[in-house]
Amino acid sequence: MARRAIESGILRLPEGDESELRLAGSRCVACGTVFHPARSVCLACHSRDLRDIGLLGRGTLYACTHVAVPLRPGMRERHGYWVGQVDLDDGPRIQGLLAPELSEPRIGMRVRLGLETLKVADDGDETVVHHFRADESAEAAS
């Protein structure tokens, strides 16, 4: 079974263990600015000397909103979905889907990167999208 992201250039999908899942990013060698997704030119200093990096996808929920219309056919059509802005621990503030089980997200809560399967093909291959879910390890530590 293979997994494929719904959009290329956003994720680094591991072969097996989801703990190795990373967001695709880049870091400017000249000024240190971090981007997601990866870029070829730094927006801060305009350098073209950027290195590809994998971002861990852990951070703090900065803002969120509930959307009541379907995202894509067959995806969360009945109950809508949450979108949030996350301040990544090792990168910028990014926008992303929140996991379906997060029915009452809280600003300031700790979140981590996860995957949601959108479709399974007849051969078992999965099409996935990333989302942010509650980071239970951080919640337990506080």
C-alpha atoms as a PDB file:
ATOM      1  CA  MET A   1       0.000   0.000   0.000  1.00  0.00           C
ATOM      2  CA  ALA A   2       1.383   3.421  -0.974  1.00  0.00           C
ATOM      3  CA  ARG A   3       0.307   6.822   0.328  1.00  0.00           C
ATOM      4  CA  ARG A   4       0.140   9.875  -1.864  1.00  0.00           C
ATOM      5  CA  ALA A   5      -0.551  13.440  -0.730  1.00  0.00           C
ATOM      6  CA  ILE A   6      -3.481  15.166  -2.410  1.00  0.00           C
ATOM      7  CA  GLU A   7      -1.106  17.992  -3.343  1.00  0.00           C
ATOM      8  CA  SER A   8       2.592  17.643  -4.148  1.00  0.00           C
ATOM      9  CA  GLY A   9       5.309  19.682  -2.462  1.00  0.00           C
ATOM     10  CA  ILE A  10       3.530  20.051   0.899  1.00  0.00           C
ATOM     11  CA  LEU A  11       4.526  16.893   2.804  1.00  0.00           C
ATOM     12  CA  ARG A  12       7.350  14.440   3.235  1.00  0.00           C
ATOM     13  CA  LEU A  13       5.456  11.187   3.597  1.00  0.00           C
ATOM     14  CA  PRO A  14       7.248   8.397   5.469  1.00  0.00           C
ATOM     15  CA  GLU A  15       7.149   4.812   4.267  1.00  0.00           C
ATOM     16  CA  GLY A  16       5.690   3.487   7.502  1.00  0.00           C
ATOM     17  CA  ASP A  17       5.837   5.218  10.875  1.00  0.00           C
ATOM     18  CA  GLU A  18       3.734   8.404  10.968  1.00  0.00           C
ATOM     19  CA  SER A  19       6.113   9.868  13.570  1.00  0.00           C
ATOM     20  CA  GLU A  20       8.480  10.542  10.642  1.00  0.00           C
ATOM     21  CA  LEU A  21       5.862  12.693   8.855  1.00  0.00           C
ATOM     22  CA  ARG A  22       7.195  16.173   8.017  1.00  0.00           C
ATOM     23  CA  LEU A  23       6.000  19.335   6.311  1.00  0.00           C
ATOM     24  CA  ALA A  24       8.164  20.262   3.324  1.00  0.00           C
ATOM     25  CA  GLY A  25       9.985  23.513   3.949  1.00  0.00           C
ATOM     26  CA  SER A  26      13.093  25.514   3.236  1.00  0.00           C
ATOM     27  CA  ARG A  27      15.501  27.669   5.232  1.00  0.00           C
ATOM     28  CA  CYS A  28      17.384  30.645   3.792  1.00  0.00           C
ATOM     29  CA  VAL A  29      21.126  30.193   4.280  1.00  0.00           C
ATOM     30  CA  ALA A  30      21.698  33.969   4.169  1.00  0.00           C
ATOM     31  CA  CYS A  31      19.165  35.153   6.772  1.00  0.00           C
ATOM     32  CA  GLY A  32      17.728  31.984   8.391  1.00  0.00           C
ATOM     33  CA  THR A  33      14.084  32.615   7.472  1.00  0.00           C
ATOM     34  CA  VAL A  34      12.031  29.388   7.316  1.00  0.00           C
ATOM     35  CA  PHE A  35       9.243  28.773   4.796  1.00  0.00           C
ATOM     36  CA  HIS A  36       6.456  26.282   4.213  1.00  0.00           C
ATOM     37  CA  PRO A  37       6.030  25.121   1.554  1.00  0.00           C
ATOM     38  CA  ALA A  38       9.591  25.191   0.257  1.00  0.00           C
ATOM     39  CA  ARG A  39      10.582  28.183  -1.843  1.00  0.00           C
ATOM     40  CA  SER A  40      13.366  28.889  -4.334  1.00  0.00           C
ATOM     41  CA  VAL A  41      13.758  32.585  -3.382  1.00  0.00           C
ATOM     42  CA  CYS A  42      13.748  34.040   0.146  1.00  0.00           C
ATOM     43  CA  LEU A  43      10.937  36.546   0.674  1.00  0.00           C
ATOM     44  CA  ALA A  44      12.922  38.304   3.415  1.00  0.00           C
ATOM     45  CA  CYS A  45      16.304  38.941   1.736  1.00  0.00           C
ATOM     46  CA  HIS A  46      15.748  37.712  -1.859  1.00  0.00           C
ATOM     47  CA  SER A  47      18.590  35.212  -1.650  1.00  0.00           C
ATOM     48  CA  ARG A  48      18.377  32.135  -3.862  1.00  0.00           C
ATOM     49  CA  ASP A  49      20.501  30.102  -1.435  1.00  0.00           C
ATOM     50  CA  LEU A  50      17.821  28.053   0.347  1.00  0.00           C
ATOM     51  CA  ARG A  51      18.054  24.497   1.730  1.00  0.00           C
ATOM     52  CA  ASP A  52      15.185  22.015   1.802  1.00  0.00           C
ATOM     53  CA  ILE A  53      14.187  21.002   5.331  1.00  0.00           C
ATOM     54  CA  GLY A  54      11.516  18.891   6.984  1.00  0.00           C
ATOM     55  CA  LEU A  55       9.399  20.714   9.577  1.00  0.00           C
ATOM     56  CA  LEU A  56       8.156  18.647  12.519  1.00  0.00           C
ATOM     57  CA  GLY A  57       4.643  20.102  12.383  1.00  0.00           C
ATOM     58  CA  ARG A  58       4.224  20.772  16.108  1.00  0.00           C
ATOM     59  CA  GLY A  59       3.036  24.130  17.306  1.00  0.00           C
ATOM     60  CA  THR A  60       0.418  26.325  18.937  1.00  0.00           C
ATOM     61  CA  LEU A  61      -3.016  27.082  17.516  1.00  0.00           C
ATOM     62  CA  TYR A  62      -3.038  30.841  16.867  1.00  0.00           C
ATOM     63  CA  ALA A  63      -6.509  31.241  15.319  1.00  0.00           C
ATOM     64  CA  CYS A  64      -9.286  29.069  13.889  1.00  0.00           C
ATOM     65  CA  THR A  65     -12.650  29.216  12.174  1.00  0.00           C
ATOM     66  CA  HIS A  66     -15.393  26.713  11.335  1.00  0.00           C
ATOM     67  CA  VAL A  67     -16.410  26.307   7.690  1.00  0.00           C
ATOM     68  CA  ALA A  68     -19.890  24.896   7.055  1.00  0.00           C
ATOM     69  CA  VAL A  69     -19.609  24.133   3.336  1.00  0.00           C
ATOM     70  CA  PRO A  70     -17.926  20.972   1.980  1.00  0.00           C
ATOM     71  CA  LEU A  71     -14.185  21.193   1.383  1.00  0.00           C
ATOM     72  CA  ARG A  72     -14.098  18.583  -1.365  1.00  0.00           C
ATOM     73  CA  PRO A  73     -16.708  16.059  -2.529  1.00  0.00           C
ATOM     74  CA  GLY A  74     -16.854  13.204  -0.025  1.00  0.00           C
ATOM     75  CA  MET A  75     -14.824  15.016   2.619  1.00  0.00           C
ATOM     76  CA  ARG A  76     -16.526  16.102   5.834  1.00  0.00           C
ATOM     77  CA  GLU A  77     -19.708  17.045   3.990  1.00  0.00           C
ATOM     78  CA  ARG A  78     -22.162  16.632   6.857  1.00  0.00           C
ATOM     79  CA  HIS A  79     -20.549  18.628   9.626  1.00  0.00           C
ATOM     80  CA  GLY A  80     -18.221  21.124   7.992  1.00  0.00           C
ATOM     81  CA  TYR A  81     -14.620  21.466   9.107  1.00  0.00           C
ATOM     82  CA  TRP A  82     -12.199  23.632  11.073  1.00  0.00           C
ATOM     83  CA  VAL A  83      -9.272  25.571   9.592  1.00  0.00           C
ATOM     84  CA  GLY A  84      -6.569  26.994  11.815  1.00  0.00           C
ATOM     85  CA  GLN A  85      -3.421  29.050  11.788  1.00  0.00           C
ATOM     86  CA  VAL A  86      -0.592  27.313  13.623  1.00  0.00           C
ATOM     87  CA  ASP A  87       2.608  28.891  14.900  1.00  0.00           C
ATOM     88  CA  LEU A  88       5.089  26.090  14.185  1.00  0.00           C
ATOM     89  CA  ASP A  89       7.796  25.486  16.789  1.00  0.00           C
ATOM     90  CA  ASP A  90      10.412  25.168  14.039  1.00  0.00           C
ATOM     91  CA  GLY A  91       8.959  27.396  11.360  1.00  0.00           C
ATOM     92  CA  PRO A  92       6.487  30.036  10.324  1.00  0.00           C
ATOM     93  CA  ARG A  93       2.792  30.511  11.059  1.00  0.00           C
ATOM     94  CA  ILE A  94       0.884  28.392   8.553  1.00  0.00           C
ATOM     95  CA  GLN A  95      -2.743  27.643   7.767  1.00  0.00           C
ATOM     96  CA  GLY A  96      -4.118  24.119   7.687  1.00  0.00           C
ATOM     97  CA  LEU A  97      -7.059  21.866   8.319  1.00  0.00           C
ATOM     98  CA  LEU A  98      -7.797  20.786  11.870  1.00  0.00           C
ATOM     99  CA  ALA A  99      -8.472  17.096  12.525  1.00  0.00           C
ATOM    100  CA  PRO A 100     -12.136  16.000  12.428  1.00  0.00           C
ATOM    101  CA  GLU A 101     -11.999  14.897  16.080  1.00  0.00           C
ATOM    102  CA  LEU A 102     -11.198  18.494  17.138  1.00  0.00           C
ATOM    103  CA  SER A 103     -14.821  19.542  17.580  1.00  0.00           C
ATOM    104  CA  GLU A 104     -13.961  22.402  19.978  1.00  0.00           C
ATOM    105  CA  PRO A 105     -10.449  23.693  19.238  1.00  0.00           C
ATOM    106  CA  ARG A 106      -8.987  26.236  21.689  1.00  0.00           C
ATOM    107  CA  ILE A 107      -6.706  29.116  20.802  1.00  0.00           C
ATOM    108  CA  GLY A 108      -3.338  28.434  22.418  1.00  0.00           C
ATOM    109  CA  MET A 109      -3.711  24.650  22.424  1.00  0.00           C
ATOM    110  CA  ARG A 110      -0.766  22.526  21.338  1.00  0.00           C
ATOM    111  CA  VAL A 111      -1.213  20.695  18.031  1.00  0.00           C
ATOM    112  CA  ARG A 112       0.795  18.290  15.909  1.00  0.00           C
ATOM    113  CA  LEU A 113       0.802  17.163  12.307  1.00  0.00           C
ATOM    114  CA  GLY A 114      -1.336  14.183  11.296  1.00  0.00           C
ATOM    115  CA  LEU A 115      -2.839  12.532   8.236  1.00  0.00           C
ATOM    116  CA  GLU A 116      -6.373  11.904   7.064  1.00  0.00           C
ATOM    117  CA  THR A 117      -7.190   9.391   4.342  1.00  0.00           C
ATOM    118  CA  LEU A 118      -9.443  10.858   1.653  1.00  0.00           C
ATOM    119  CA  LYS A 119      -9.633   7.899  -0.684  1.00  0.00           C
ATOM    120  CA  VAL A 120      -8.458   4.305  -0.918  1.00  0.00           C
ATOM    121  CA  ALA A 121      -7.982   2.990  -4.472  1.00  0.00           C
ATOM    122  CA  ASP A 122      -8.862  -0.550  -5.520  1.00  0.00           C
ATOM    123  CA  ASP A 123      -5.175  -1.496  -5.263  1.00  0.00           C
ATOM    124  CA  GLY A 124      -5.028  -0.212  -1.652  1.00  0.00           C
ATOM    125  CA  ASP A 125      -3.132   2.999  -2.394  1.00  0.00           C
ATOM    126  CA  GLU A 126      -4.272   5.931  -0.226  1.00  0.00           C
ATOM    127  CA  THR A 127      -4.718   9.593  -1.069  1.00  0.00           C
ATOM    128  CA  VAL A 128      -4.099  11.615   2.103  1.00  0.00           C
ATOM    129  CA  VAL A 129      -4.326  15.191   3.311  1.00  0.00           C
ATOM    130  CA  HIS A 130      -2.480  16.598   6.321  1.00  0.00           C
ATOM    131  CA  HIS A 131      -4.197  18.202   9.281  1.00  0.00           C
ATOM    132  CA  PHE A 132      -3.391  19.325  12.805  1.00  0.00           C
ATOM    133  CA  ARG A 133      -4.636  17.325  15.790  1.00  0.00           C
ATOM    134  CA  ALA A 134      -4.378  17.877  19.520  1.00  0.00           C
ATOM    135  CA  ASP A 135      -0.899  17.117  20.818  1.00  0.00           C
ATOM    136  CA  GLU A 136      -1.796  14.867  23.760  1.00  0.00           C
ATOM    137  CA  SER A 137       1.813  14.678  24.926  1.00  0.00           C
ATOM    138  CA  ALA A 138       1.950  18.457  25.319  1.00  0.00           C
ATOM    139  CA  GLU A 139      -1.494  18.594  26.979  1.00  0.00           C
ATOM    140  CA  ALA A 140      -0.441  15.938  29.518  1.00  0.00           C
ATOM    141  CA  ALA A 141       2.778  17.810  30.349  1.00  0.00           C
ATOM    142  CA  SER A 142       0.969  21.061  31.191  1.00  0.00           C
END
